[in-house]
């Protein structure tokens, strides 16, 4: 989790069945970065795919 926060300046959304139960074990600074997910994993993948240009896709695929 700390590595994810170090790589991103944005909020963090936990997903899945252990998301809610695990929150109480996270340090307070990490809990402060948590937000509710805006969708599921599929909707996130679709949003990312829509934002990529063809040149972005080619550079990540190869």
PDB file of N, CA and C in Angstrom:
ATOM      1  N   UNK A   1       0.834  -1.178   0.000  1.00  0.00           N
ATOM      2  CA  UNK A   1       0.000   0.000   0.000  1.00  0.00           C
ATOM      3  C   UNK A   1       0.880   1.244   0.000  1.00  0.00           C
ATOM      4  N   UNK A   2       1.929   1.261   0.778  1.00  0.00           N
ATOM      5  CA  UNK A   2       2.802   2.436   0.815  1.00  0.00           C
ATOM      6  C   UNK A   2       3.461   2.685  -0.533  1.00  0.00           C
ATOM      7  N   UNK A   3       3.809   1.618  -1.241  1.00  0.00           N
ATOM      8  CA  UNK A   3       4.415   1.773  -2.564  1.00  0.00           C
ATOM      9  C   UNK A   3       3.414   2.399  -3.528  1.00  0.00           C
ATOM     10  N   UNK A   4       2.175   1.975  -3.476  1.00  0.00           N
ATOM     11  CA  UNK A   4       1.130   2.544  -4.321  1.00  0.00           C
ATOM     12  C   UNK A   4       0.976   4.034  -4.038  1.00  0.00           C
ATOM     13  N   UNK A   5       0.969   4.403  -2.786  1.00  0.00           N
ATOM     14  CA  UNK A   5       0.833   5.811  -2.403  1.00  0.00           C
ATOM     15  C   UNK A   5       2.047   6.602  -2.864  1.00  0.00           C
ATOM     16  N   UNK A   6       3.237   6.003  -2.784  1.00  0.00           N
ATOM     17  CA  UNK A   6       4.454   6.689  -3.226  1.00  0.00           C
ATOM     18  C   UNK A   6       4.433   6.957  -4.727  1.00  0.00           C
ATOM     19  N   UNK A   7       3.803   6.094  -5.494  1.00  0.00           N
ATOM     20  CA  UNK A   7       3.748   6.241  -6.947  1.00  0.00           C
ATOM     21  C   UNK A   7       2.621   7.156  -7.422  1.00  0.00           C
ATOM     22  N   UNK A   8       1.695   7.479  -6.541  1.00  0.00           N
ATOM     23  CA  UNK A   8       0.521   8.244  -6.936  1.00  0.00           C
ATOM     24  C   UNK A   8       0.227   9.331  -5.918  1.00  0.00           C
ATOM     25  N   UNK A   9      -0.231  10.456  -6.403  1.00  0.00           N
ATOM     26  CA  UNK A   9      -0.625  11.522  -5.479  1.00  0.00           C
ATOM     27  C   UNK A   9      -2.127  11.522  -5.240  1.00  0.00           C
ATOM     28  N   UNK A  10      -2.824  10.598  -5.870  1.00  0.00           N
ATOM     29  CA  UNK A  10      -4.275  10.562  -5.789  1.00  0.00           C
ATOM     30  C   UNK A  10      -4.782   9.700  -4.657  1.00  0.00           C
ATOM     31  N   UNK A  11      -6.093   9.624  -4.549  1.00  0.00           N
ATOM     32  CA  UNK A  11      -6.720   8.792  -3.520  1.00  0.00           C
ATOM     33  C   UNK A  11      -6.585   7.310  -3.857  1.00  0.00           C
ATOM     34  N   UNK A  12      -6.881   6.467  -2.865  1.00  0.00           N
ATOM     35  CA  UNK A  12      -6.797   5.013  -3.028  1.00  0.00           C
ATOM     36  C   UNK A  12      -8.159   4.421  -2.717  1.00  0.00           C
ATOM     37  N   UNK A  13      -8.635   3.551  -3.591  1.00  0.00           N
ATOM     38  CA  UNK A  13      -9.902   2.868  -3.372  1.00  0.00           C
ATOM     39  C   UNK A  13      -9.632   1.378  -3.200  1.00  0.00           C
ATOM     40  N   UNK A  14     -10.090   0.812  -2.108  1.00  0.00           N
ATOM     41  CA  UNK A  14      -9.984  -0.625  -1.882  1.00  0.00           C
ATOM     42  C   UNK A  14     -11.211  -1.286  -2.487  1.00  0.00           C
ATOM     43  N   UNK A  15     -11.011  -2.463  -3.072  1.00  0.00           N
ATOM     44  CA  UNK A  15     -12.119  -3.166  -3.704  1.00  0.00           C
ATOM     45  C   UNK A  15     -12.114  -4.624  -3.274  1.00  0.00           C
ATOM     46  N   UNK A  16     -13.236  -5.260  -3.382  1.00  0.00           N
ATOM     47  CA  UNK A  16     -13.335  -6.680  -3.092  1.00  0.00           C
ATOM     48  C   UNK A  16     -13.880  -6.953  -1.709  1.00  0.00           C
ATOM     49  N   UNK A  17     -13.998  -8.216  -1.417  1.00  0.00           N
ATOM     50  CA  UNK A  17     -14.616  -8.654  -0.177  1.00  0.00           C
ATOM     51  C   UNK A  17     -13.867  -8.317   1.093  1.00  0.00           C
ATOM     52  N   UNK A  18     -12.554  -8.126   0.997  1.00  0.00           N
ATOM     53  CA  UNK A  18     -11.784  -7.801   2.209  1.00  0.00           C
ATOM     54  C   UNK A  18     -11.560  -6.299   2.370  1.00  0.00           C
ATOM     55  N   UNK A  19     -12.068  -5.485   1.451  1.00  0.00           N
ATOM     56  CA  UNK A  19     -11.832  -4.040   1.502  1.00  0.00           C
ATOM     57  C   UNK A  19     -12.303  -3.423   2.820  1.00  0.00           C
ATOM     58  N   UNK A  20     -13.540  -3.660   3.198  1.00  0.00           N
ATOM     59  CA  UNK A  20     -14.068  -3.060   4.426  1.00  0.00           C
ATOM     60  C   UNK A  20     -13.409  -3.625   5.682  1.00  0.00           C
ATOM     61  N   UNK A  21     -13.283  -4.940   5.828  1.00  0.00           N
ATOM     62  CA  UNK A  21     -12.680  -5.466   7.053  1.00  0.00           C
ATOM     63  C   UNK A  21     -11.217  -5.062   7.253  1.00  0.00           C
ATOM     64  N   UNK A  22     -10.465  -4.873   6.178  1.00  0.00           N
ATOM     65  CA  UNK A  22      -9.037  -4.589   6.314  1.00  0.00           C
ATOM     66  C   UNK A  22      -8.758  -3.138   6.713  1.00  0.00           C
ATOM     67  N   UNK A  23      -9.707  -2.253   6.490  1.00  0.00           N
ATOM     68  CA  UNK A  23      -9.479  -0.830   6.747  1.00  0.00           C
ATOM     69  C   UNK A  23      -9.046  -0.548   8.177  1.00  0.00           C
ATOM     70  N   UNK A  24      -9.606  -1.235   9.126  1.00  0.00           N
ATOM     71  CA  UNK A  24      -9.278  -0.941  10.529  1.00  0.00           C
ATOM     72  C   UNK A  24      -7.839  -1.293  10.887  1.00  0.00           C
ATOM     73  N   UNK A  25      -7.186  -2.127  10.103  1.00  0.00           N
ATOM     74  CA  UNK A  25      -5.803  -2.496  10.378  1.00  0.00           C
ATOM     75  C   UNK A  25      -4.791  -1.590   9.666  1.00  0.00           C
ATOM     76  N   UNK A  26      -5.268  -0.719   8.809  1.00  0.00           N
ATOM     77  CA  UNK A  26      -4.373   0.184   8.094  1.00  0.00           C
ATOM     78  C   UNK A  26      -4.000   1.373   8.979  1.00  0.00           C
ATOM     79  N   UNK A  27      -2.782   1.875   8.806  1.00  0.00           N
ATOM     80  CA  UNK A  27      -2.352   3.058   9.550  1.00  0.00           C
ATOM     81  C   UNK A  27      -3.249   4.243   9.201  1.00  0.00           C
ATOM     82  N   UNK A  28      -3.336   5.195  10.122  1.00  0.00           N
ATOM     83  CA  UNK A  28      -4.237   6.336   9.947  1.00  0.00           C
ATOM     84  C   UNK A  28      -3.923   7.152   8.697  1.00  0.00           C
ATOM     85  N   UNK A  29      -2.622   7.304   8.368  1.00  0.00           N
ATOM     86  CA  UNK A  29      -2.285   8.088   7.184  1.00  0.00           C
ATOM     87  C   UNK A  29      -2.784   7.418   5.908  1.00  0.00           C
ATOM     88  N   UNK A  30      -2.813   6.106   5.909  1.00  0.00           N
ATOM     89  CA  UNK A  30      -3.337   5.389   4.746  1.00  0.00           C
ATOM     90  C   UNK A  30      -4.860   5.471   4.720  1.00  0.00           C
ATOM     91  N   UNK A  31      -5.487   5.305   5.876  1.00  0.00           N
ATOM     92  CA  UNK A  31      -6.947   5.416   5.942  1.00  0.00           C
ATOM     93  C   UNK A  31      -7.420   6.775   5.444  1.00  0.00           C
ATOM     94  N   UNK A  32      -6.634   7.809   5.695  1.00  0.00           N
ATOM     95  CA  UNK A  32      -7.009   9.159   5.266  1.00  0.00           C
ATOM     96  C   UNK A  32      -7.034   9.286   3.744  1.00  0.00           C
ATOM     97  N   UNK A  33      -6.312   8.437   3.026  1.00  0.00           N
ATOM     98  CA  UNK A  33      -6.265   8.481   1.557  1.00  0.00           C
ATOM     99  C   UNK A  33      -7.369   7.655   0.907  1.00  0.00           C
ATOM    100  N   UNK A  34      -8.094   6.871   1.689  1.00  0.00           N
ATOM    101  CA  UNK A  34      -9.094   5.964   1.125  1.00  0.00           C
ATOM    102  C   UNK A  34     -10.353   6.697   0.685  1.00  0.00           C
ATOM    103  N   UNK A  35     -10.875   6.266  -0.446  1.00  0.00           N
ATOM    104  CA  UNK A  35     -12.150   6.764  -0.967  1.00  0.00           C
ATOM    105  C   UNK A  35     -12.982   5.559  -1.393  1.00  0.00           C
ATOM    106  N   UNK A  36     -14.261   5.773  -1.561  1.00  0.00           N
ATOM    107  CA  UNK A  36     -15.130   4.723  -2.063  1.00  0.00           C
ATOM    108  C   UNK A  36     -14.851   4.523  -3.554  1.00  0.00           C
ATOM    109  N   UNK A  37     -14.847   3.270  -4.038  1.00  0.00           N
ATOM    110  CA  UNK A  37     -14.645   3.039  -5.473  1.00  0.00           C
ATOM    111  C   UNK A  37     -15.758   3.693  -6.290  1.00  0.00           C
ATOM    112  N   UNK A  38     -15.401   4.218  -7.443  1.00  0.00           N
ATOM    113  CA  UNK A  38     -16.382   4.841  -8.332  1.00  0.00           C
ATOM    114  C   UNK A  38     -17.034   3.824  -9.252  1.00  0.00           C
ATOM    115  N   UNK A  39     -16.541   2.601  -9.237  1.00  0.00           N
ATOM    116  CA  UNK A  39     -17.088   1.543 -10.067  1.00  0.00           C
ATOM    117  C   UNK A  39     -16.353   0.254  -9.750  1.00  0.00           C
ATOM    118  N   UNK A  40     -16.562  -0.753 -10.580  1.00  0.00           N
ATOM    119  CA  UNK A  40     -15.864  -2.021 -10.371  1.00  0.00           C
ATOM    120  C   UNK A  40     -14.618  -2.081 -11.256  1.00  0.00           C
ATOM    121  N   UNK A  41     -13.891  -3.171 -11.187  1.00  0.00           N
ATOM    122  CA  UNK A  41     -12.646  -3.310 -11.942  1.00  0.00           C
ATOM    123  C   UNK A  41     -12.885  -3.201 -13.442  1.00  0.00           C
ATOM    124  N   UNK A  42     -13.973  -3.748 -13.933  1.00  0.00           N
ATOM    125  CA  UNK A  42     -14.267  -3.681 -15.357  1.00  0.00           C
ATOM    126  C   UNK A  42     -14.505  -2.249 -15.813  1.00  0.00           C
ATOM    127  N   UNK A  43     -15.256  -1.488 -15.045  1.00  0.00           N
ATOM    128  CA  UNK A  43     -15.503  -0.094 -15.451  1.00  0.00           C
ATOM    129  C   UNK A  43     -14.203   0.707 -15.424  1.00  0.00           C
ATOM    130  N   UNK A  44     -13.310   0.406 -14.493  1.00  0.00           N
ATOM    131  CA  UNK A  44     -12.007   1.071 -14.465  1.00  0.00           C
ATOM    132  C   UNK A  44     -11.162   0.729 -15.671  1.00  0.00           C
ATOM    133  N   UNK A  45     -11.179  -0.523 -16.074  1.00  0.00           N
ATOM    134  CA  UNK A  45     -10.430  -0.946 -17.260  1.00  0.00           C
ATOM    135  C   UNK A  45     -10.978  -0.281 -18.518  1.00  0.00           C
ATOM    136  N   UNK A  46     -12.292  -0.187 -18.610  1.00  0.00           N
ATOM    137  CA  UNK A  46     -12.900   0.458 -19.777  1.00  0.00           C
ATOM    138  C   UNK A  46     -12.570   1.949 -19.833  1.00  0.00           C
ATOM    139  N   UNK A  47     -12.581   2.607 -18.682  1.00  0.00           N
ATOM    140  CA  UNK A  47     -12.222   4.032 -18.628  1.00  0.00           C
ATOM    141  C   UNK A  47     -10.784   4.240 -19.062  1.00  0.00           C
ATOM    142  N   UNK A  48      -9.881   3.413 -18.563  1.00  0.00           N
ATOM    143  CA  UNK A  48      -8.476   3.509 -18.943  1.00  0.00           C
ATOM    144  C   UNK A  48      -8.305   3.274 -20.441  1.00  0.00           C
ATOM    145  N   UNK A  49      -8.978   2.276 -20.978  1.00  0.00           N
ATOM    146  CA  UNK A  49      -8.875   1.972 -22.406  1.00  0.00           C
ATOM    147  C   UNK A  49      -9.378   3.133 -23.258  1.00  0.00           C
ATOM    148  N   UNK A  50     -10.415   3.806 -22.813  1.00  0.00           N
ATOM    149  CA  UNK A  50     -10.952   4.939 -23.567  1.00  0.00           C
ATOM    150  C   UNK A  50      -9.999   6.131 -23.546  1.00  0.00           C
ATOM    151  N   UNK A  51      -9.182   6.243 -22.514  1.00  0.00           N
ATOM    152  CA  UNK A  51      -8.261   7.373 -22.391  1.00  0.00           C
ATOM    153  C   UNK A  51      -6.983   7.166 -23.188  1.00  0.00           C
ATOM    154  N   UNK A  52      -6.637   5.928 -23.507  1.00  0.00           N
ATOM    155  CA  UNK A  52      -5.407   5.646 -24.236  1.00  0.00           C
ATOM    156  C   UNK A  52      -5.564   5.986 -25.710  1.00  0.00           C
ATOM    157  N   UNK A  53      -4.559   6.611 -26.256  1.00  0.00           N
ATOM    158  CA  UNK A  53      -4.532   6.851 -27.692  1.00  0.00           C
ATOM    159  C   UNK A  53      -3.900   5.623 -28.348  1.00  0.00           C
ATOM    160  N   UNK A  54      -4.041   5.461 -29.661  1.00  0.00           N
ATOM    161  CA  UNK A  54      -3.394   4.323 -30.317  1.00  0.00           C
ATOM    162  C   UNK A  54      -1.881   4.287 -30.069  1.00  0.00           C
ATOM    163  N   UNK A  55      -1.215   5.440 -30.040  1.00  0.00           N
ATOM    164  CA  UNK A  55       0.235   5.473 -29.790  1.00  0.00           C
ATOM    165  C   UNK A  55       0.540   4.997 -28.372  1.00  0.00           C
ATOM    166  N   UNK A  56      -0.283   5.370 -27.401  1.00  0.00           N
ATOM    167  CA  UNK A  56      -0.095   4.894 -26.025  1.00  0.00           C
ATOM    168  C   UNK A  56      -0.196   3.381 -25.967  1.00  0.00           C
ATOM    169  N   UNK A  57      -1.187   2.841 -26.666  1.00  0.00           N
ATOM    170  CA  UNK A  57      -1.408   1.392 -26.652  1.00  0.00           C
ATOM    171  C   UNK A  57      -0.220   0.656 -27.251  1.00  0.00           C
ATOM    172  N   UNK A  58       0.295   1.151 -28.378  1.00  0.00           N
ATOM    173  CA  UNK A  58       1.434   0.481 -29.004  1.00  0.00           C
ATOM    174  C   UNK A  58       2.658   0.502 -28.108  1.00  0.00           C
ATOM    175  N   UNK A  59       2.913   1.589 -27.397  1.00  0.00           N
ATOM    176  CA  UNK A  59       4.090   1.661 -26.544  1.00  0.00           C
ATOM    177  C   UNK A  59       3.954   0.753 -25.330  1.00  0.00           C
ATOM    178  N   UNK A  60       2.743   0.505 -24.851  1.00  0.00           N
ATOM    179  CA  UNK A  60       2.550  -0.378 -23.700  1.00  0.00           C
ATOM    180  C   UNK A  60       2.467  -1.830 -24.101  1.00  0.00           C
ATOM    181  N   UNK A  61       2.088  -2.117 -25.314  1.00  0.00           N
ATOM    182  CA  UNK A  61       1.922  -3.499 -25.760  1.00  0.00           C
ATOM    183  C   UNK A  61       3.254  -4.132 -26.141  1.00  0.00           C
ATOM    184  N   UNK A  62       4.227  -3.357 -26.486  1.00  0.00           N
ATOM    185  CA  UNK A  62       5.438  -3.962 -27.005  1.00  0.00           C
ATOM    186  C   UNK A  62       6.610  -3.759 -26.165  1.00  0.00           C
TER     187      UNK A  62
END
